[in-house]
Amino acid sequence: MLKAVAGAVVVAIIAAILFFIWSGQNQKQAQTMQSQIAALSQELSQLRDENTQLKGQLASVQSEEQNLAAQNDELRKAIGTVKATGKLPPNLPYPPK
């Protein structure tokens, strides 16, 4: 009977030691994952800021492209007028601003 109790106590001590080792490893993994999550969140924030800036730049480029397209159309009409009448129209968008 005493041997069985001593064996149970030894098994309980070994199980407790293994549990503490296992929980320590889990805590290390959780800390590693938390630091990775923080780093990725920071990177995501930076990428969102960069995306916002790029969208603003894209909007200005598209606006400029529309202005240039309108000027191009006016110049095409002026060229057509010159070819048809031989006179240069007074309202040319040249030189570009």
Protein backbone atom coordinates (compact mmCIF):
# COMPACT_ATOMS: atom_id res chain seq x y z
CA MET A 1 0.00 0.00 0.00
CA LEU A 2 2.81 2.37 0.87
CA LYS A 3 4.49 1.63 -2.46
CA ALA A 4 1.31 2.49 -4.34
CA VAL A 5 0.97 5.83 -2.51
CA ALA A 6 4.67 6.62 -3.10
CA GLY A 7 4.28 5.72 -6.80
CA ALA A 8 1.20 7.93 -7.09
CA VAL A 9 3.06 10.84 -5.45
CA VAL A 10 6.03 10.39 -7.83
CA VAL A 11 3.71 10.23 -10.83
CA ALA A 12 1.89 13.38 -9.61
CA ILE A 13 5.19 15.23 -9.17
CA ILE A 14 6.37 14.20 -12.65
CA ALA A 15 3.01 15.23 -14.12
CA ALA A 16 3.24 18.63 -12.38
CA ILE A 17 6.77 19.20 -13.69
CA LEU A 18 5.71 18.27 -17.22
CA PHE A 19 2.68 20.57 -16.93
CA PHE A 20 4.85 23.53 -15.89
CA ILE A 21 7.28 22.88 -18.74
CA TRP A 22 4.42 22.60 -21.21
CA SER A 23 2.69 25.77 -19.94
CA GLY A 24 6.00 27.68 -20.10
CA GLN A 25 6.43 26.69 -23.73
CA ASN A 26 2.86 27.75 -24.47
CA GLN A 27 3.49 31.13 -22.86
CA LYS A 28 6.64 31.63 -24.95
CA GLN A 29 4.73 30.77 -28.11
CA ALA A 30 1.92 33.14 -27.13
CA GLN A 31 4.41 35.96 -26.52
CA THR A 32 6.08 35.30 -29.86
CA MET A 33 2.72 35.36 -31.61
CA GLN A 34 1.74 38.58 -29.82
CA SER A 35 4.95 40.29 -30.95
CA GLN A 36 4.35 39.10 -34.52
CA ILE A 37 0.78 40.38 -34.38
CA ALA A 38 1.99 43.76 -33.14
CA ALA A 39 4.60 43.99 -35.90
CA LEU A 40 2.07 43.01 -38.56
CA SER A 41 -0.47 45.49 -37.21
CA GLN A 42 2.11 48.27 -37.40
CA GLU A 43 3.03 47.26 -40.95
CA LEU A 44 -0.66 47.17 -41.89
CA SER A 45 -1.12 50.66 -40.50
CA GLN A 46 1.85 51.95 -42.50
CA LEU A 47 0.54 50.29 -45.65
CA ARG A 48 -2.91 51.81 -45.15
CA ASP A 49 -1.34 55.26 -44.75
CA GLU A 50 0.73 54.73 -47.89
CA ASN A 51 -2.38 53.51 -49.73
CA THR A 52 -4.26 56.67 -48.73
CA GLN A 53 -1.39 58.84 -49.97
CA LEU A 54 -1.19 56.93 -53.23
CA LYS A 55 -4.93 57.27 -53.79
CA GLY A 56 -4.58 61.04 -53.36
CA GLN A 57 -1.69 61.15 -55.82
CA LEU A 58 -3.64 58.99 -58.26
CA ALA A 59 -6.59 61.37 -58.07
CA SER A 60 -4.34 64.34 -58.87
CA VAL A 61 -2.72 62.46 -61.76
CA GLN A 62 -6.14 61.49 -63.14
CA SER A 63 -7.31 65.10 -62.84
CA GLU A 64 -4.25 66.30 -64.73
CA GLU A 65 -4.80 63.60 -67.35
CA GLN A 66 -8.37 64.82 -67.87
CA ASN A 67 -7.15 68.40 -68.24
CA LEU A 68 -4.54 67.34 -70.78
CA ALA A 69 -7.11 65.29 -72.69
CA ALA A 70 -9.40 68.33 -72.87
CA GLN A 71 -6.53 70.51 -74.10
CA ASN A 72 -5.63 67.84 -76.65
CA ASP A 73 -9.20 67.85 -77.96
CA GLU A 74 -9.14 71.64 -78.26
CA LEU A 75 -5.85 71.48 -80.16
CA ARG A 76 -7.28 68.83 -82.50
CA LYS A 77 -10.26 71.09 -83.19
CA ALA A 78 -7.90 74.01 -83.81
CA ILE A 79 -5.86 71.94 -86.24
CA GLY A 80 -9.06 71.00 -88.03
CA THR A 81 -10.02 74.67 -88.20
CA VAL A 82 -6.61 75.64 -89.57
CA LYS A 83 -6.80 72.92 -92.20
CA ALA A 84 -10.32 73.93 -93.20
CA THR A 85 -10.05 77.73 -93.12
CA GLY A 86 -6.34 78.48 -93.01
CA LYS A 87 -6.85 80.72 -89.94
CA LEU A 88 -5.65 80.01 -86.39
CA PRO A 89 -8.43 80.16 -83.75
CA PRO A 90 -7.81 82.77 -81.01
CA ASN A 91 -8.58 80.56 -77.99
CA LEU A 92 -5.86 77.91 -78.11
CA PRO A 93 -4.86 76.22 -74.84
CA TYR A 94 -1.20 76.72 -75.65
CA PRO A 95 1.17 76.96 -73.90
CA PRO A 96 -0.06 74.49 -71.29
CA LYS A 97 -0.19 75.72 -67.73
